[in-house]
Amino acid sequence: MQQILYPQELEVFYIIPAIRKYLTICMKEAGLKQKEIAKVLSVKEAAISQYLSSKRGSEIEFSDNVEKNIKEA
């Protein structure tokens, strides 16, 4: 039987990691190092590596409009 997730669990497990992944990609393209990105996002460097290799935060794809808004943030 599949477990039903509450809205806040969906945010924590899927939405926040996807946003962090996209922010990581944007900061990496801007020339920041993984260590600097980890400090900005308050996560470990291993998490940054996983975002960049699509091992984390890949369950959700954002529309172009949402990606643009995240990039501007």
N, C-alpha and C. Protein backbone atom coordinates (compact mmCIF):
# COMPACT_ATOMS: atom_id res chain seq x y z
N MET A 1 0.84 -1.18 0.00
CA MET A 1 0.00 0.00 0.00
C MET A 1 0.88 1.24 0.00
N GLN A 2 0.56 2.19 -0.86
CA GLN A 2 1.36 3.40 -0.99
C GLN A 2 0.98 4.41 0.10
N GLN A 3 1.99 5.00 0.70
CA GLN A 3 1.77 5.98 1.76
C GLN A 3 1.41 7.33 1.16
N ILE A 4 0.44 7.99 1.74
CA ILE A 4 0.05 9.33 1.29
C ILE A 4 0.92 10.35 2.01
N LEU A 5 1.49 11.27 1.25
CA LEU A 5 2.34 12.31 1.82
C LEU A 5 1.54 13.58 2.06
N TYR A 6 1.85 14.25 3.15
CA TYR A 6 1.24 15.54 3.45
C TYR A 6 1.93 16.62 2.62
N PRO A 7 1.26 17.76 2.42
CA PRO A 7 1.85 18.82 1.59
C PRO A 7 3.24 19.24 2.05
N GLN A 8 3.45 19.35 3.34
CA GLN A 8 4.77 19.77 3.83
C GLN A 8 5.83 18.71 3.56
N GLU A 9 5.43 17.44 3.53
CA GLU A 9 6.38 16.38 3.19
C GLU A 9 6.76 16.45 1.71
N LEU A 10 5.80 16.78 0.86
CA LEU A 10 6.10 16.96 -0.56
C LEU A 10 7.10 18.08 -0.76
N GLU A 11 6.93 19.16 -0.01
CA GLU A 11 7.88 20.28 -0.10
C GLU A 11 9.28 19.85 0.29
N VAL A 12 9.39 19.17 1.43
CA VAL A 12 10.70 18.79 1.96
C VAL A 12 11.38 17.74 1.09
N PHE A 13 10.63 16.76 0.60
CA PHE A 13 11.22 15.66 -0.16
C PHE A 13 11.44 15.97 -1.62
N TYR A 14 10.63 16.85 -2.21
CA TYR A 14 10.70 17.05 -3.66
C TYR A 14 10.95 18.50 -4.10
N ILE A 15 10.18 19.44 -3.58
CA ILE A 15 10.24 20.81 -4.09
C ILE A 15 11.52 21.52 -3.65
N ILE A 16 11.82 21.49 -2.37
CA ILE A 16 13.02 22.18 -1.87
C ILE A 16 14.29 21.63 -2.51
N PRO A 17 14.47 20.29 -2.59
CA PRO A 17 15.66 19.79 -3.28
C PRO A 17 15.74 20.21 -4.74
N ALA A 18 14.60 20.27 -5.43
CA ALA A 18 14.61 20.68 -6.83
C ALA A 18 15.02 22.14 -6.97
N ILE A 19 14.56 22.98 -6.06
CA ILE A 19 14.95 24.40 -6.08
C ILE A 19 16.44 24.52 -5.78
N ARG A 20 16.91 23.78 -4.78
CA ARG A 20 18.34 23.82 -4.45
C ARG A 20 19.19 23.34 -5.62
N LYS A 21 18.71 22.31 -6.32
CA LYS A 21 19.45 21.80 -7.48
C LYS A 21 19.59 22.89 -8.53
N TYR A 22 18.48 23.57 -8.83
CA TYR A 22 18.55 24.59 -9.87
C TYR A 22 19.42 25.77 -9.42
N LEU A 23 19.31 26.17 -8.14
CA LEU A 23 20.18 27.24 -7.63
C LEU A 23 21.65 26.84 -7.70
N THR A 24 21.93 25.58 -7.39
CA THR A 24 23.31 25.07 -7.46
C THR A 24 23.84 25.18 -8.89
N ILE A 25 23.03 24.78 -9.85
CA ILE A 25 23.45 24.85 -11.25
C ILE A 25 23.72 26.30 -11.65
N CYS A 26 22.83 27.21 -11.26
CA CYS A 26 23.00 28.63 -11.60
C CYS A 26 24.26 29.21 -10.97
N MET A 27 24.51 28.87 -9.70
CA MET A 27 25.70 29.40 -9.02
C MET A 27 26.98 28.80 -9.61
N LYS A 28 26.93 27.54 -9.98
CA LYS A 28 28.09 26.89 -10.60
C LYS A 28 28.40 27.57 -11.94
N GLU A 29 27.35 27.86 -12.73
CA GLU A 29 27.54 28.55 -14.00
C GLU A 29 28.09 29.96 -13.81
N ALA A 30 27.79 30.55 -12.64
CA ALA A 30 28.29 31.89 -12.33
C ALA A 30 29.73 31.86 -11.82
N GLY A 31 30.29 30.65 -11.67
CA GLY A 31 31.70 30.54 -11.30
C GLY A 31 31.98 30.23 -9.84
N LEU A 32 30.96 30.00 -9.03
CA LEU A 32 31.19 29.66 -7.63
C LEU A 32 31.67 28.23 -7.51
N LYS A 33 32.46 27.98 -6.48
CA LYS A 33 32.96 26.63 -6.21
C LYS A 33 31.94 25.89 -5.35
N GLN A 34 32.03 24.56 -5.37
CA GLN A 34 31.07 23.76 -4.62
C GLN A 34 31.06 24.11 -3.14
N LYS A 35 32.22 24.39 -2.59
CA LYS A 35 32.31 24.74 -1.17
C LYS A 35 31.55 26.05 -0.89
N GLU A 36 31.68 27.01 -1.78
CA GLU A 36 30.97 28.29 -1.62
C GLU A 36 29.46 28.10 -1.75
N ILE A 37 29.05 27.29 -2.72
CA ILE A 37 27.63 27.03 -2.92
C ILE A 37 27.05 26.34 -1.69
N ALA A 38 27.77 25.38 -1.15
CA ALA A 38 27.32 24.66 0.05
C ALA A 38 27.11 25.62 1.21
N LYS A 39 28.01 26.57 1.35
CA LYS A 39 27.88 27.55 2.43
C LYS A 39 26.65 28.44 2.22
N VAL A 40 26.43 28.89 0.99
CA VAL A 40 25.28 29.75 0.69
C VAL A 40 23.96 29.02 0.96
N LEU A 41 23.90 27.75 0.56
CA LEU A 41 22.65 26.98 0.70
C LEU A 41 22.54 26.27 2.05
N SER A 42 23.58 26.38 2.88
CA SER A 42 23.61 25.74 4.20
C SER A 42 23.43 24.23 4.11
N VAL A 43 24.16 23.62 3.17
CA VAL A 43 24.16 22.16 3.03
C VAL A 43 25.61 21.71 2.94
N LYS A 44 25.82 20.41 2.99
CA LYS A 44 27.18 19.86 2.87
C LYS A 44 27.62 19.84 1.41
N GLU A 45 28.92 19.83 1.21
CA GLU A 45 29.46 19.79 -0.15
C GLU A 45 29.01 18.54 -0.90
N ALA A 46 28.81 17.45 -0.18
CA ALA A 46 28.34 16.21 -0.82
C ALA A 46 26.96 16.42 -1.44
N ALA A 47 26.12 17.20 -0.80
CA ALA A 47 24.80 17.48 -1.35
C ALA A 47 24.92 18.26 -2.65
N ILE A 48 25.85 19.21 -2.69
CA ILE A 48 26.06 19.99 -3.91
C ILE A 48 26.51 19.08 -5.04
N SER A 49 27.41 18.16 -4.74
CA SER A 49 27.87 17.20 -5.73
C SER A 49 26.71 16.36 -6.26
N GLN A 50 25.82 15.97 -5.37
CA GLN A 50 24.67 15.17 -5.78
C GLN A 50 23.67 15.98 -6.60
N TYR A 51 23.52 17.25 -6.29
CA TYR A 51 22.65 18.11 -7.12
C TYR A 51 23.23 18.23 -8.53
N LEU A 52 24.52 18.41 -8.63
CA LEU A 52 25.15 18.59 -9.93
C LEU A 52 25.15 17.31 -10.77
N SER A 53 25.16 16.16 -10.11
CA SER A 53 25.15 14.90 -10.84
C SER A 53 23.74 14.32 -10.98
N SER A 54 22.74 15.11 -10.61
CA SER A 54 21.32 14.72 -10.71
C SER A 54 20.96 13.49 -9.88
N LYS A 55 21.70 13.25 -8.80
CA LYS A 55 21.34 12.18 -7.88
C LYS A 55 20.34 12.66 -6.84
N ARG A 56 20.19 13.96 -6.73
CA ARG A 56 19.29 14.56 -5.75
C ARG A 56 18.56 15.71 -6.43
N GLY A 57 17.28 15.86 -6.12
CA GLY A 57 16.52 16.99 -6.62
C GLY A 57 16.05 16.86 -8.06
N SER A 58 16.02 15.66 -8.58
CA SER A 58 15.66 15.48 -10.00
C SER A 58 14.24 14.97 -10.21
N GLU A 59 13.49 14.82 -9.15
CA GLU A 59 12.15 14.27 -9.28
C GLU A 59 11.15 15.25 -9.89
N ILE A 60 11.46 16.53 -9.82
CA ILE A 60 10.55 17.56 -10.33
C ILE A 60 11.25 18.38 -11.41
N GLU A 61 10.55 18.64 -12.48
CA GLU A 61 11.03 19.52 -13.55
C GLU A 61 10.21 20.81 -13.50
N PHE A 62 10.87 21.94 -13.50
CA PHE A 62 10.18 23.21 -13.47
C PHE A 62 9.94 23.73 -14.88
N SER A 63 8.88 24.52 -15.02
CA SER A 63 8.63 25.17 -16.30
C SER A 63 9.69 26.24 -16.52
N ASP A 64 9.81 26.70 -17.76
CA ASP A 64 10.79 27.73 -18.08
C ASP A 64 10.55 29.00 -17.27
N ASN A 65 9.28 29.33 -17.04
CA ASN A 65 8.94 30.54 -16.29
C ASN A 65 9.41 30.42 -14.84
N VAL A 66 9.20 29.26 -14.22
CA VAL A 66 9.64 29.05 -12.83
C VAL A 66 11.16 29.08 -12.76
N GLU A 67 11.82 28.41 -13.71
CA GLU A 67 13.30 28.43 -13.72
C GLU A 67 13.82 29.86 -13.84
N LYS A 68 13.18 30.66 -14.66
CA LYS A 68 13.59 32.06 -14.82
C LYS A 68 13.45 32.81 -13.50
N ASN A 69 12.35 32.58 -12.78
CA ASN A 69 12.13 33.24 -11.50
C ASN A 69 13.14 32.80 -10.45
N ILE A 70 13.49 31.51 -10.46
CA ILE A 70 14.49 31.02 -9.52
C ILE A 70 15.85 31.64 -9.82
N LYS A 71 16.17 31.73 -11.10
CA LYS A 71 17.46 32.29 -11.51
C LYS A 71 17.59 33.76 -11.11
N GLU A 72 16.49 34.47 -11.14
CA GLU A 72 16.50 35.90 -10.79
C GLU A 72 16.58 36.12 -9.29
N ALA A 73 16.31 35.09 -8.49
CA ALA A 73 16.28 35.23 -7.03
C ALA A 73 17.62 35.43 -6.43
